[in-house]
Amino acid sequence: MDADAAPTRSIAAPLRAAWTAGRHLLSRTARLALDIALPTLCVSCREPVDGEGVCAACWAKLSFIERPYCPRLGIPFVYDPGPDMLSMEAIASPPAYQRARAAVRYDDVARTLVHALKYQDRTDLAPAMGRWMARAGGEVLAGADMLVPVPLHWRRAWRRRYNQSGALAHIIARQSGVKVRGEVLRRVRATEQQIGLSRAQRATNVQGAFQVSPDRQAEIQGRRIILVDDVLTSGATLDACARALLRAKAAQVDVLVFARVVESR
């Protein structure tokens, strides 16, 4: 063994440590300078905000969904009709999934948050949105076996570069301990955007669009699954996903979304 090797190694180690520390310091300094030069703005009102993208005033405008609500669909009631009372929607047209829960109503501020996350690469909004969802979904998360984000078709995923439902699901997983299984459900057919379609057209648009991966069916059988998405409007997409999971012998499918449309009465 070369006698000079040991001294060389003893000198190299501190130099590498110093280089690593210096690089981290420069990185932190650069991020601090960028934060000072370009402060984070509220996604709704564009005022500077210190935190997660929503100022206090806009946060106060979010309409969080609290009890009383329909135990099946999570639709908020104007008054408390008593225990286990279902909404008219749940009675007239029950979905394939068992229960749905949402953190907020789909109003102006919620719409801005959803669109920023989905279309403007604002993945920094996912932690706050996911934590609100975990709080709203505590009842359905208890005893669940897995979280399954609503999948994108591969072409749309390639254009968008990430799945907003998957980003929210991973935050919920960290909050709840329920694992994400994003690979079990696939969107096997590209569909039109649901925006602007009627309820019947939405259902037709997503019919047969989802399928459990054949090599993943054993993971589904007998499991309690929570579908995760950003918004629930007509429920057609989530219903189609739930039907695919139930055909693969899932024991139960529930739904957890960030926002849901609540029709005015």
Protein backbone atom coordinates (compact mmCIF):
# COMPACT_ATOMS: atom_id res chain seq x y z
CA MET A 1 0.00 0.00 0.00
CA ASP A 2 1.32 3.48 -0.90
CA ALA A 3 2.46 5.38 2.18
CA ASP A 4 1.15 8.65 0.72
CA ALA A 5 -2.40 7.27 0.29
CA ALA A 6 -3.54 7.68 3.92
CA PRO A 7 -2.50 11.37 4.23
CA THR A 8 -4.10 12.08 0.87
CA ARG A 9 -7.39 10.54 2.02
CA SER A 10 -7.25 12.44 5.33
CA ILE A 11 -6.90 15.74 3.45
CA ALA A 12 -9.52 14.90 0.80
CA ALA A 13 -12.32 14.14 3.26
CA PRO A 14 -12.36 17.59 4.92
CA LEU A 15 -12.09 19.24 1.52
CA ARG A 16 -15.14 17.32 0.26
CA ALA A 17 -17.08 18.23 3.41
CA ALA A 18 -16.15 21.90 3.04
CA TRP A 19 -17.13 21.85 -0.64
CA THR A 20 -20.52 20.25 0.16
CA ALA A 21 -21.22 22.75 2.96
CA GLY A 22 -20.26 25.66 0.72
CA ARG A 23 -22.47 24.41 -2.09
CA HIS A 24 -25.48 24.10 0.26
CA LEU A 25 -24.81 27.60 1.62
CA LEU A 26 -24.70 29.05 -1.89
CA SER A 27 -27.93 27.23 -2.78
CA ARG A 28 -29.73 28.60 0.30
CA THR A 29 -28.39 32.09 -0.39
CA ALA A 30 -29.62 31.93 -3.99
CA ARG A 31 -33.09 30.78 -2.89
CA LEU A 32 -33.27 33.56 -0.29
CA ALA A 33 -32.27 36.16 -2.88
CA LEU A 34 -34.91 34.84 -5.26
CA ASP A 35 -37.58 34.97 -2.54
CA ILE A 36 -36.66 38.59 -1.81
CA ALA A 37 -36.61 39.57 -5.48
CA LEU A 38 -39.75 37.59 -6.40
CA PRO A 39 -42.02 37.24 -3.34
CA THR A 40 -44.72 34.56 -3.40
CA LEU A 41 -48.06 35.96 -4.50
CA CYS A 42 -51.50 34.79 -3.48
CA VAL A 43 -52.88 32.73 -6.36
CA SER A 44 -56.27 34.38 -5.99
CA CYS A 45 -55.70 38.11 -5.41
CA ARG A 46 -51.98 38.35 -6.37
CA GLU A 47 -51.01 40.05 -3.11
CA PRO A 48 -47.65 39.04 -1.56
CA VAL A 49 -48.10 36.15 0.85
CA ASP A 50 -45.81 34.48 3.36
CA GLY A 51 -46.69 30.81 3.19
CA GLU A 52 -48.50 28.43 0.89
CA GLY A 53 -49.92 30.55 -1.87
CA VAL A 54 -53.14 31.87 -0.28
CA CYS A 55 -53.36 35.07 1.73
CA ALA A 56 -55.39 35.27 4.93
CA ALA A 57 -58.19 37.22 3.24
CA CYS A 58 -58.64 34.66 0.46
CA TRP A 59 -58.27 31.76 2.87
CA ALA A 60 -61.20 33.24 4.81
CA LYS A 61 -63.26 33.23 1.60
CA LEU A 62 -62.84 29.47 1.13
CA SER A 63 -66.07 27.73 2.06
CA PHE A 64 -64.97 24.67 4.02
CA ILE A 65 -67.56 21.89 4.14
CA GLU A 66 -68.53 20.96 7.67
CA ARG A 67 -71.37 18.92 9.16
CA PRO A 68 -74.26 18.60 8.65
CA TYR A 69 -73.89 17.00 5.24
CA CYS A 70 -75.23 14.00 3.33
CA PRO A 71 -73.51 10.90 4.73
CA ARG A 72 -73.39 9.39 1.24
CA LEU A 73 -72.33 12.25 -1.03
CA GLY A 74 -70.96 14.80 1.44
CA ILE A 75 -73.28 17.52 0.10
CA PRO A 76 -73.72 20.14 2.86
CA PHE A 77 -77.21 20.66 4.26
CA VAL A 78 -78.63 24.09 5.03
CA TYR A 79 -79.98 22.73 8.32
CA ASP A 80 -79.52 19.46 10.21
CA PRO A 81 -82.20 17.01 9.02
CA GLY A 82 -81.22 14.37 11.55
CA PRO A 83 -78.87 11.39 11.57
CA ASP A 84 -78.44 9.28 8.40
CA MET A 85 -80.70 11.52 6.32
CA LEU A 86 -79.62 11.31 2.66
CA SER A 87 -79.66 14.14 0.14
CA MET A 88 -82.10 14.08 -2.77
CA GLU A 89 -79.19 13.41 -5.14
CA ALA A 90 -78.09 10.33 -3.18
CA ILE A 91 -81.62 8.94 -3.21
CA ALA A 92 -82.43 9.72 -6.85
CA SER A 93 -79.12 8.70 -8.42
CA PRO A 94 -76.81 6.80 -6.05
CA PRO A 95 -73.26 6.48 -7.43
CA ALA A 96 -71.12 3.34 -7.63
CA TYR A 97 -68.84 4.66 -4.89
CA GLN A 98 -70.03 4.41 -1.30
CA ARG A 99 -69.14 7.80 0.18
CA ALA A 100 -67.73 11.10 -1.06
CA ARG A 101 -66.03 13.78 1.00
CA ALA A 102 -64.70 17.19 -0.05
CA ALA A 103 -62.70 19.84 1.76
CA VAL A 104 -64.33 22.96 0.24
CA ARG A 105 -67.11 24.13 -2.03
CA TYR A 106 -66.04 24.78 -5.61
CA ASP A 107 -66.27 28.58 -5.50
CA ASP A 108 -64.10 31.31 -7.03
CA VAL A 109 -61.10 30.90 -4.72
CA ALA A 110 -61.23 27.10 -4.85
CA ARG A 111 -61.45 27.22 -8.66
CA THR A 112 -58.36 29.43 -8.80
CA LEU A 113 -56.43 27.00 -6.59
CA VAL A 114 -57.46 23.99 -8.66
CA HIS A 115 -56.61 25.64 -11.98
CA ALA A 116 -53.24 26.85 -10.66
CA LEU A 117 -52.33 23.35 -9.50
CA LYS A 118 -53.61 21.65 -12.65
CA TYR A 119 -52.58 24.02 -15.44
CA GLN A 120 -49.95 26.43 -14.06
CA ASP A 121 -47.40 24.05 -12.46
CA ARG A 122 -48.22 25.37 -8.98
CA THR A 123 -47.33 22.11 -7.26
CA ASP A 124 -46.43 24.18 -4.18
CA LEU A 125 -50.19 24.40 -3.52
CA ALA A 126 -50.59 20.63 -3.16
CA PRO A 127 -49.37 20.39 0.49
CA ALA A 128 -52.01 22.79 1.86
CA MET A 129 -54.78 21.39 -0.34
CA GLY A 130 -53.84 17.82 0.56
CA ARG A 131 -53.83 18.56 4.29
CA TRP A 132 -57.31 20.10 4.06
CA MET A 133 -58.46 17.00 2.19
CA ALA A 134 -56.98 14.67 4.83
CA ARG A 135 -58.86 16.61 7.52
CA ALA A 136 -62.14 16.46 5.59
CA GLY A 137 -61.69 12.76 4.81
CA GLY A 138 -60.81 11.49 8.25
CA GLU A 139 -63.95 9.35 8.38
CA VAL A 140 -63.29 7.57 5.07
CA LEU A 141 -59.54 7.33 5.59
CA ALA A 142 -60.03 5.33 8.78
CA GLY A 143 -59.67 1.68 7.79
CA ALA A 144 -58.86 2.37 4.12
CA ASP A 145 -56.32 0.09 2.43
CA MET A 146 -55.07 2.35 -0.33
CA LEU A 147 -55.36 5.70 -2.11
CA VAL A 148 -55.84 5.58 -5.88
CA PRO A 149 -55.52 8.89 -7.75
CA VAL A 150 -57.71 9.33 -10.81
CA PRO A 151 -55.28 8.61 -13.68
CA LEU A 152 -54.58 10.74 -16.72
CA HIS A 153 -54.31 9.29 -20.20
CA TRP A 154 -50.63 8.91 -21.10
CA ARG A 155 -50.79 11.62 -23.77
CA ARG A 156 -52.29 14.15 -21.39
CA ALA A 157 -49.84 13.12 -18.66
CA TRP A 158 -46.96 13.67 -21.10
CA ARG A 159 -48.21 17.18 -21.95
CA ARG A 160 -48.97 18.16 -18.35
CA ARG A 161 -45.86 16.38 -16.92
CA TYR A 162 -47.57 15.43 -13.67
CA ASN A 163 -50.92 14.27 -12.33
CA GLN A 164 -52.46 16.76 -9.90
CA SER A 165 -54.56 13.99 -8.33
CA GLY A 166 -51.39 12.00 -7.66
CA ALA A 167 -49.72 15.04 -6.07
CA LEU A 168 -52.68 15.45 -3.70
CA ALA A 169 -52.79 11.72 -2.94
CA HIS A 170 -49.15 11.68 -1.82
CA ILE A 171 -49.79 14.54 0.63
CA ILE A 172 -52.84 12.72 2.01
CA ALA A 173 -50.73 9.57 2.36
CA ARG A 174 -48.18 11.42 4.48
CA GLN A 175 -50.96 12.81 6.67
CA SER A 176 -52.94 9.59 7.09
CA GLY A 177 -50.49 6.72 6.66
CA VAL A 178 -52.65 5.18 3.90
CA LYS A 179 -50.41 4.20 0.98
CA VAL A 180 -50.79 5.44 -2.60
CA ARG A 181 -51.23 2.85 -5.35
CA GLY A 182 -51.18 4.96 -8.47
CA GLU A 183 -50.41 2.10 -10.82
CA VAL A 184 -53.49 -0.08 -10.23
CA LEU A 185 -55.91 2.00 -12.30
CA ARG A 186 -55.31 3.10 -15.89
CA ARG A 187 -57.10 5.43 -18.27
CA VAL A 188 -57.14 3.23 -21.35
CA ARG A 189 -59.01 5.63 -23.61
CA ALA A 190 -58.41 9.32 -24.20
CA THR A 191 -61.51 11.37 -23.39
CA GLU A 192 -62.68 14.88 -24.18
CA GLN A 193 -62.45 17.58 -21.55
CA GLN A 194 -65.56 17.38 -19.37
CA ILE A 195 -65.91 21.16 -19.22
CA GLY A 196 -69.03 22.31 -21.06
CA LEU A 197 -70.61 18.85 -21.30
CA SER A 198 -74.00 18.00 -19.85
CA ARG A 199 -74.36 15.39 -17.10
CA ALA A 200 -75.38 12.72 -19.62
CA GLN A 201 -72.57 13.67 -22.00
CA ARG A 202 -70.04 13.48 -19.17
CA ALA A 203 -71.15 9.95 -18.30
CA THR A 204 -70.95 8.86 -21.95
CA ASN A 205 -67.56 10.52 -22.38
CA VAL A 206 -65.87 8.46 -19.66
CA GLN A 207 -67.74 5.18 -20.19
CA GLY A 208 -65.18 2.38 -20.48
CA ALA A 209 -62.27 4.79 -20.13
CA PHE A 210 -60.78 3.20 -17.00
CA GLN A 211 -59.44 -0.25 -16.31
CA VAL A 212 -57.61 -2.02 -13.51
CA SER A 213 -54.22 -3.24 -14.72
CA PRO A 214 -54.51 -7.04 -15.20
CA ASP A 215 -51.38 -7.69 -13.15
CA ARG A 216 -52.75 -5.57 -10.27
CA GLN A 217 -56.16 -7.16 -9.79
CA ALA A 218 -54.99 -9.29 -6.86
CA GLU A 219 -54.07 -6.08 -5.01
CA ILE A 220 -57.62 -4.78 -5.45
CA GLN A 221 -59.66 -7.79 -4.37
CA GLY A 222 -61.31 -7.33 -0.99
CA ARG A 223 -59.69 -3.93 -0.40
CA ARG A 224 -61.26 -0.66 0.74
CA ILE A 225 -60.11 1.98 -1.73
CA ILE A 226 -60.26 5.76 -1.73
CA LEU A 227 -60.29 7.51 -5.10
CA VAL A 228 -58.52 10.89 -4.99
CA ASP A 229 -59.26 13.77 -7.37
CA ASP A 230 -59.20 17.55 -7.37
CA VAL A 231 -62.86 18.37 -8.14
CA LEU A 232 -66.20 16.57 -8.07
CA THR A 233 -68.75 18.09 -10.44
CA SER A 234 -71.24 15.60 -11.88
CA GLY A 235 -69.26 12.68 -10.45
CA ALA A 236 -69.16 10.88 -13.83
CA THR A 237 -65.38 10.38 -13.88
CA LEU A 238 -65.21 9.15 -10.30
CA ASP A 239 -68.21 6.88 -10.87
CA ALA A 240 -66.51 5.32 -13.91
CA CYS A 241 -63.33 4.77 -11.88
CA ALA A 242 -65.30 3.23 -9.02
CA ARG A 243 -67.08 0.84 -11.37
CA ALA A 244 -63.75 -0.36 -12.79
CA LEU A 245 -62.40 -0.99 -9.27
CA LEU A 246 -65.58 -2.78 -8.17
CA ARG A 247 -65.45 -5.01 -11.27
CA ALA A 248 -61.98 -6.00 -10.07
CA LYS A 249 -63.62 -7.13 -6.78
CA ALA A 250 -62.76 -4.17 -4.56
CA ALA A 251 -64.71 -4.44 -1.30
CA GLN A 252 -65.64 -0.74 -1.20
CA VAL A 253 -64.74 2.47 -3.01
CA ASP A 254 -64.96 5.92 -1.41
CA VAL A 255 -64.06 9.31 -2.89
CA LEU A 256 -61.99 12.18 -1.49
CA VAL A 257 -61.67 15.45 -3.43
CA PHE A 258 -60.42 18.94 -2.73
CA ALA A 259 -63.58 20.72 -3.92
CA ARG A 260 -67.07 19.76 -4.97
CA VAL A 261 -69.76 21.65 -6.84
CA VAL A 262 -72.71 22.43 -4.58
CA GLU A 263 -75.83 23.52 -6.41
CA SER A 264 -77.69 26.48 -4.96
CA ARG A 265 -81.16 25.77 -3.64
